[in-house]
Every structure is written in C-alpha cells, then in structure tokens.
Amino acid sequence: MTTENTYVSITALALATDPEFIESVNTFALPVDSPDLNLLQRDGATAVIDLAMQFADRGYNCDVELMSQVIGRLSDIQVRDFAMGTHNAETFDTYWNMWLYLVRIAPDGFVAPVACLFATLAYERGDNELAYRALDRATVDDPKYALTILLRRVFGSGWPAAAFAAMRLELHPKVTAGIFEG
C-alpha cells in the first residue's frame, strides 16, 4: 500500500451529533455484565461483515441502523478485535471507506474504537501521519483507551506495517473462535 498525498478529513460529521442517531448507537452498546454477552458479540461481528458488504455495494448509502449497530457493538473489545482482522488486500478499500465514514459519524463516547480501527488501516497503508491523527481523535474521545495507547507504541516503534498486518491476521482466527465458538 502506498501513501496518497491527498488530505483525508476525519472530523465529525453532523450525524455524530444527531440525537436520534446517538440514541440508536447507545441501544447497541454492549454492557460487559450482560448475560447474553456472547450472543451480542456475535451480533456485532456479523453486523461488521454485513456493513462491509453494504459498503462494497452502496458506498456511503448504507442502512443507518446497521451503521449505528456496528458503532455501538464496537464498544465491546472482542467485537472491535474481530473487526480489526476482517479486511484483506481485496477488501482493503471497502474497509478503508467504511471505517473512515464511521469515525466521522461516531458519537462522542464511541469514537475511540472506530478511530483505532481506521488508524490501523492508515498505518498499513503507510500513512503514518493520518494514523496518528486518528489516534489523536481516539485520545480526545477516551484518553485512557488501551488500544490507542498500544497502537501509539506500535506505530512509534517503527514496527513494519507488513509485520503488524501479519500479526493482525494471525490473531483473527482466535478472536473469531472466541466469539462464534464461545
């Protein structure tokens, strides 16, 4: 992947402050003490794949409720980690556009997971400046978000993007098994 010299905006769009959209996202947030946590994690993982398929077909004209479902479910670490491993070389552009759009519409309190996901794609693409800007958005949303802190260390270490991608792909089957076989 190569870095493009065009500026990519990751600032919030109006939908991020729409009260109805915020309420919808909140209804999909996963409480860690839910007795149905694994079922809800499966729902979140499936929603990520469904939304990526919609993005591949429709671009930004996707189902708003499905977008709010994905953003809300990403509040769960397992769903977020599943989402991190879902793209490959063939689907990279679809996920790039999807995470970019979702980071711009995520309401306050839900930005960090999406921004971290987008940051990983920017890093893999070789756009370190954009990756750090995405991490900055995550930090503003949640200064103690563990993945933001970890990614800053990884990106700052000079670890090759290809090695990061390989690690991400290696972990994905384990996360998937934890969600779908748990």
C-alpha atoms as a PDB file:
ATOM      1  CA  MET A   1       0.000   0.000   0.000  1.00  0.00           C
ATOM      2  CA  THR A   2       1.250   3.465  -0.748  1.00  0.00           C
ATOM      3  CA  THR A   3       0.597   6.779   0.856  1.00  0.00           C
ATOM      4  CA  GLU A   4      -1.605   9.159  -1.067  1.00  0.00           C
ATOM      5  CA  ASN A   5      -0.784  12.840  -0.886  1.00  0.00           C
ATOM      6  CA  THR A   6      -4.398  13.938  -0.519  1.00  0.00           C
ATOM      7  CA  TYR A   7      -5.681  15.235   2.802  1.00  0.00           C
ATOM      8  CA  VAL A   8      -8.178  12.901   4.465  1.00  0.00           C
ATOM      9  CA  SER A   9     -10.581  14.552   6.887  1.00  0.00           C
ATOM     10  CA  ILE A  10     -11.533  12.593   9.980  1.00  0.00           C
ATOM     11  CA  THR A  11     -13.517  15.380  11.615  1.00  0.00           C
ATOM     12  CA  ALA A  12     -17.011  14.652  12.833  1.00  0.00           C
ATOM     13  CA  LEU A  13     -19.991  14.986  10.511  1.00  0.00           C
ATOM     14  CA  ALA A  14     -23.412  16.291  11.556  1.00  0.00           C
ATOM     15  CA  LEU A  15     -24.805  12.771  12.058  1.00  0.00           C
ATOM     16  CA  ALA A  16     -22.407  12.318  15.012  1.00  0.00           C
ATOM     17  CA  THR A  17     -24.454  14.849  16.998  1.00  0.00           C
ATOM     18  CA  ASP A  18     -27.927  13.834  15.824  1.00  0.00           C
ATOM     19  CA  PRO A  19     -29.937  12.871  18.950  1.00  0.00           C
ATOM     20  CA  GLU A  20     -31.814  10.030  17.233  1.00  0.00           C
ATOM     21  CA  PHE A  21     -28.604   8.544  15.839  1.00  0.00           C
ATOM     22  CA  ILE A  22     -26.893   8.837  19.232  1.00  0.00           C
ATOM     23  CA  GLU A  23     -29.825   7.061  20.887  1.00  0.00           C
ATOM     24  CA  SER A  24     -29.670   4.300  18.272  1.00  0.00           C
ATOM     25  CA  VAL A  25     -25.926   3.816  18.823  1.00  0.00           C
ATOM     26  CA  ASN A  26     -26.472   3.711  22.595  1.00  0.00           C
ATOM     27  CA  THR A  27     -29.067   0.953  22.256  1.00  0.00           C
ATOM     28  CA  PHE A  28     -26.416  -1.247  20.620  1.00  0.00           C
ATOM     29  CA  ALA A  29     -23.641  -0.614  23.183  1.00  0.00           C
ATOM     30  CA  LEU A  30     -22.668  -3.799  24.975  1.00  0.00           C
ATOM     31  CA  PRO A  31     -22.803  -3.873  28.760  1.00  0.00           C
ATOM     32  CA  VAL A  32     -19.942  -6.091  29.982  1.00  0.00           C
ATOM     33  CA  ASP A  33     -22.200  -7.715  32.567  1.00  0.00           C
ATOM     34  CA  SER A  34     -24.878  -8.767  30.059  1.00  0.00           C
ATOM     35  CA  PRO A  35     -25.950 -12.403  30.463  1.00  0.00           C
ATOM     36  CA  ASP A  36     -26.195 -12.532  26.660  1.00  0.00           C
ATOM     37  CA  LEU A  37     -22.749 -11.028  26.058  1.00  0.00           C
ATOM     38  CA  ASN A  38     -21.503 -13.742  23.687  1.00  0.00           C
ATOM     39  CA  LEU A  39     -24.703 -13.617  21.645  1.00  0.00           C
ATOM     40  CA  LEU A  40     -24.422  -9.823  21.412  1.00  0.00           C
ATOM     41  CA  GLN A  41     -20.758 -10.123  20.404  1.00  0.00           C
ATOM     42  CA  ARG A  42     -21.787 -12.469  17.582  1.00  0.00           C
ATOM     43  CA  ASP A  43     -24.401  -9.935  16.558  1.00  0.00           C
ATOM     44  CA  GLY A  44     -21.726  -7.239  16.476  1.00  0.00           C
ATOM     45  CA  ALA A  45     -19.262  -9.322  14.476  1.00  0.00           C
ATOM     46  CA  THR A  46     -21.955 -10.250  11.972  1.00  0.00           C
ATOM     47  CA  ALA A  47     -23.010  -6.605  11.718  1.00  0.00           C
ATOM     48  CA  VAL A  48     -19.425  -5.600  10.825  1.00  0.00           C
ATOM     49  CA  ILE A  49     -19.381  -8.078   7.935  1.00  0.00           C
ATOM     50  CA  ASP A  50     -22.886  -7.090   6.819  1.00  0.00           C
ATOM     51  CA  LEU A  51     -21.969  -3.414   6.819  1.00  0.00           C
ATOM     52  CA  ALA A  52     -18.776  -4.047   4.849  1.00  0.00           C
ATOM     53  CA  MET A  53     -20.856  -5.889   2.248  1.00  0.00           C
ATOM     54  CA  GLN A  54     -23.256  -2.939   2.101  1.00  0.00           C
ATOM     55  CA  PHE A  55     -20.334  -0.511   1.740  1.00  0.00           C
ATOM     56  CA  ALA A  56     -18.965  -2.595  -1.121  1.00  0.00           C
ATOM     57  CA  ASP A  57     -22.346  -2.377  -2.878  1.00  0.00           C
ATOM     58  CA  ARG A  58     -23.681   1.050  -1.858  1.00  0.00           C
ATOM     59  CA  GLY A  59     -20.791   3.169  -0.674  1.00  0.00           C
ATOM     60  CA  TYR A  60     -21.961   5.672   1.932  1.00  0.00           C
ATOM     61  CA  ASN A  61     -25.652   4.975   1.286  1.00  0.00           C
ATOM     62  CA  CYS A  62     -25.833   2.184   3.838  1.00  0.00           C
ATOM     63  CA  ASP A  63     -28.530   1.400   6.355  1.00  0.00           C
ATOM     64  CA  VAL A  64     -28.208   3.952   9.176  1.00  0.00           C
ATOM     65  CA  GLU A  65     -29.406   1.498  11.805  1.00  0.00           C
ATOM     66  CA  LEU A  66     -26.761  -1.027  10.721  1.00  0.00           C
ATOM     67  CA  MET A  67     -24.106   1.681  11.000  1.00  0.00           C
ATOM     68  CA  SER A  68     -25.318   2.563  14.499  1.00  0.00           C
ATOM     69  CA  GLN A  69     -25.339  -1.144  15.375  1.00  0.00           C
ATOM     70  CA  VAL A  70     -21.701  -1.541  14.324  1.00  0.00           C
ATOM     71  CA  ILE A  71     -20.588   1.600  16.161  1.00  0.00           C
ATOM     72  CA  GLY A  72     -22.452   0.565  19.308  1.00  0.00           C
ATOM     73  CA  ARG A  73     -21.235  -3.029  19.254  1.00  0.00           C
ATOM     74  CA  LEU A  74     -17.617  -1.868  18.783  1.00  0.00           C
ATOM     75  CA  SER A  75     -17.803  -0.725  22.406  1.00  0.00           C
ATOM     76  CA  ASP A  76     -17.008  -4.383  23.147  1.00  0.00           C
ATOM     77  CA  ILE A  77     -13.307  -5.253  22.895  1.00  0.00           C
ATOM     78  CA  GLN A  78     -13.962  -8.655  21.315  1.00  0.00           C
ATOM     79  CA  VAL A  79     -16.123  -7.146  18.578  1.00  0.00           C
ATOM     80  CA  ARG A  80     -13.510  -4.445  17.993  1.00  0.00           C
ATOM     81  CA  ASP A  81     -10.719  -7.019  17.790  1.00  0.00           C
ATOM     82  CA  PHE A  82     -12.803  -9.117  15.415  1.00  0.00           C
ATOM     83  CA  ALA A  83     -13.334  -6.044  13.236  1.00  0.00           C
ATOM     84  CA  MET A  84      -9.593  -5.365  13.187  1.00  0.00           C
ATOM     85  CA  GLY A  85      -8.968  -8.657  11.433  1.00  0.00           C
ATOM     86  CA  THR A  86     -11.751  -8.620   8.858  1.00  0.00           C
ATOM     87  CA  HIS A  87     -10.095  -6.838   5.947  1.00  0.00           C
ATOM     88  CA  ASN A  88      -7.598  -8.216   3.480  1.00  0.00           C
ATOM     89  CA  ALA A  89      -5.887  -6.907   0.349  1.00  0.00           C
ATOM     90  CA  GLU A  90      -9.038  -7.373  -1.748  1.00  0.00           C
ATOM     91  CA  THR A  91     -11.355  -5.653   0.731  1.00  0.00           C
ATOM     92  CA  PHE A  92      -8.934  -3.008   1.997  1.00  0.00           C
ATOM     93  CA  ASP A  93     -10.538  -0.104   0.116  1.00  0.00           C
ATOM     94  CA  THR A  94     -14.032  -1.071   1.265  1.00  0.00           C
ATOM     95  CA  TYR A  95     -12.956  -1.191   4.903  1.00  0.00           C
ATOM     96  CA  TRP A  96     -10.913   1.998   4.492  1.00  0.00           C
ATOM     97  CA  ASN A  97     -14.023   3.865   3.324  1.00  0.00           C
ATOM     98  CA  MET A  98     -16.248   2.212   5.917  1.00  0.00           C
ATOM     99  CA  TRP A  99     -14.024   2.959   8.935  1.00  0.00           C
ATOM    100  CA  LEU A 100     -13.330   6.468   7.642  1.00  0.00           C
ATOM    101  CA  TYR A 101     -17.038   7.202   7.398  1.00  0.00           C
ATOM    102  CA  LEU A 102     -17.830   5.566  10.742  1.00  0.00           C
ATOM    103  CA  VAL A 103     -15.112   7.533  12.565  1.00  0.00           C
ATOM    104  CA  ARG A 104     -16.703  10.707  11.204  1.00  0.00           C
ATOM    105  CA  ILE A 105     -20.241   9.771  12.337  1.00  0.00           C
ATOM    106  CA  ALA A 106     -19.420   8.072  15.645  1.00  0.00           C
ATOM    107  CA  PRO A 107     -20.937   9.983  18.559  1.00  0.00           C
ATOM    108  CA  ASP A 108     -18.818  11.125  21.485  1.00  0.00           C
ATOM    109  CA  GLY A 109     -18.005   8.142  23.675  1.00  0.00           C
ATOM    110  CA  PHE A 110     -17.911   5.801  20.668  1.00  0.00           C
ATOM    111  CA  VAL A 111     -15.135   7.359  18.591  1.00  0.00           C
ATOM    112  CA  ALA A 112     -12.102   5.601  20.126  1.00  0.00           C
ATOM    113  CA  PRO A 113     -12.709   2.049  18.841  1.00  0.00           C
ATOM    114  CA  VAL A 114     -13.547   3.205  15.322  1.00  0.00           C
ATOM    115  CA  ALA A 115     -10.654   5.670  15.222  1.00  0.00           C
ATOM    116  CA  CYS A 116      -8.263   2.906  16.282  1.00  0.00           C
ATOM    117  CA  LEU A 117      -9.576   0.621  13.547  1.00  0.00           C
ATOM    118  CA  PHE A 118      -9.108   3.357  10.974  1.00  0.00           C
ATOM    119  CA  ALA A 119      -5.639   4.119  12.356  1.00  0.00           C
ATOM    120  CA  THR A 120      -4.565   0.516  11.743  1.00  0.00           C
ATOM    121  CA  LEU A 121      -5.566   0.775   8.098  1.00  0.00           C
ATOM    122  CA  ALA A 122      -3.785   4.105   7.702  1.00  0.00           C
ATOM    123  CA  TYR A 123      -0.671   2.558   9.260  1.00  0.00           C
ATOM    124  CA  GLU A 124      -0.853  -0.493   6.991  1.00  0.00           C
ATOM    125  CA  ARG A 125      -1.283   1.840   4.040  1.00  0.00           C
ATOM    126  CA  GLY A 126       1.853   3.713   5.014  1.00  0.00           C
ATOM    127  CA  ASP A 127       0.121   6.943   6.018  1.00  0.00           C
ATOM    128  CA  ASN A 128       1.608   7.356   9.488  1.00  0.00           C
ATOM    129  CA  GLU A 129       0.533  10.985   9.801  1.00  0.00           C
ATOM    130  CA  LEU A 130      -3.112  10.006   9.245  1.00  0.00           C
ATOM    131  CA  ALA A 131      -2.738   7.027  11.589  1.00  0.00           C
ATOM    132  CA  TYR A 132      -1.563   9.388  14.350  1.00  0.00           C
ATOM    133  CA  ARG A 133      -4.363  11.871  13.619  1.00  0.00           C
ATOM    134  CA  ALA A 134      -6.858   9.016  14.027  1.00  0.00           C
ATOM    135  CA  LEU A 135      -5.224   8.070  17.330  1.00  0.00           C
ATOM    136  CA  ASP A 136      -5.480  11.720  18.392  1.00  0.00           C
ATOM    137  CA  ARG A 137      -9.251  11.568  17.774  1.00  0.00           C
ATOM    138  CA  ALA A 138      -9.409   8.377  19.826  1.00  0.00           C
ATOM    139  CA  THR A 139      -7.488  10.033  22.664  1.00  0.00           C
ATOM    140  CA  VAL A 140      -9.815  13.045  22.712  1.00  0.00           C
ATOM    141  CA  ASP A 141     -12.765  10.640  22.943  1.00  0.00           C
ATOM    142  CA  ASP A 142     -11.212   8.413  25.627  1.00  0.00           C
ATOM    143  CA  PRO A 143      -7.766   9.385  26.955  1.00  0.00           C
ATOM    144  CA  LYS A 144      -7.315   6.017  28.679  1.00  0.00           C
ATOM    145  CA  TYR A 145      -8.458   3.777  25.816  1.00  0.00           C
ATOM    146  CA  ALA A 146      -5.961   0.900  25.981  1.00  0.00           C
ATOM    147  CA  LEU A 147      -5.792   0.165  22.247  1.00  0.00           C
ATOM    148  CA  THR A 148      -4.936   3.791  21.473  1.00  0.00           C
ATOM    149  CA  ILE A 149      -2.019   3.642  23.892  1.00  0.00           C
ATOM    150  CA  LEU A 150      -0.842   0.306  22.486  1.00  0.00           C
ATOM    151  CA  LEU A 151      -1.081   1.460  18.868  1.00  0.00           C
ATOM    152  CA  ARG A 152       0.921   4.604  19.646  1.00  0.00           C
ATOM    153  CA  ARG A 153       3.683   2.358  20.971  1.00  0.00           C
ATOM    154  CA  VAL A 154       3.495   0.014  17.992  1.00  0.00           C
ATOM    155  CA  PHE A 155       3.462   2.798  15.404  1.00  0.00           C
ATOM    156  CA  GLY A 156       6.238   4.682  17.207  1.00  0.00           C
ATOM    157  CA  SER A 157       8.458   1.618  17.445  1.00  0.00           C
ATOM    158  CA  GLY A 158       8.995   1.541  13.703  1.00  0.00           C
ATOM    159  CA  TRP A 159       7.467  -1.918  13.514  1.00  0.00           C
ATOM    160  CA  PRO A 160       6.907  -2.594   9.808  1.00  0.00           C
ATOM    161  CA  ALA A 161       3.304  -2.275   8.684  1.00  0.00           C
ATOM    162  CA  ALA A 162       3.527  -5.673   6.974  1.00  0.00           C
ATOM    163  CA  ALA A 163       4.525  -7.310  10.265  1.00  0.00           C
ATOM    164  CA  PHE A 164       1.635  -5.579  12.024  1.00  0.00           C
ATOM    165  CA  ALA A 165      -0.773  -6.810   9.327  1.00  0.00           C
ATOM    166  CA  ALA A 166       0.590 -10.355   9.636  1.00  0.00           C
ATOM    167  CA  MET A 167       0.107 -10.304  13.421  1.00  0.00           C
ATOM    168  CA  ARG A 168      -3.419  -8.947  12.995  1.00  0.00           C
ATOM    169  CA  LEU A 169      -4.301 -11.720  10.551  1.00  0.00           C
ATOM    170  CA  GLU A 170      -2.741 -14.353  12.793  1.00  0.00           C
ATOM    171  CA  LEU A 171      -4.853 -13.274  15.770  1.00  0.00           C
ATOM    172  CA  HIS A 172      -8.121 -13.018  13.836  1.00  0.00           C
ATOM    173  CA  PRO A 173      -8.998 -16.760  13.858  1.00  0.00           C
ATOM    174  CA  LYS A 174      -8.544 -16.840  17.649  1.00  0.00           C
ATOM    175  CA  VAL A 175     -10.830 -13.852  18.165  1.00  0.00           C
ATOM    176  CA  THR A 176     -13.369 -15.306  15.727  1.00  0.00           C
ATOM    177  CA  ALA A 177     -13.364 -18.637  17.580  1.00  0.00           C
ATOM    178  CA  GLY A 178     -13.872 -16.860  20.904  1.00  0.00           C
ATOM    179  CA  ILE A 179     -16.947 -15.101  19.543  1.00  0.00           C
ATOM    180  CA  PHE A 180     -18.528 -17.810  17.402  1.00  0.00           C
ATOM    181  CA  GLU A 181     -17.489 -20.927  19.333  1.00  0.00           C
ATOM    182  CA  GLY A 182     -17.744 -19.417  22.813  1.00  0.00           C
END
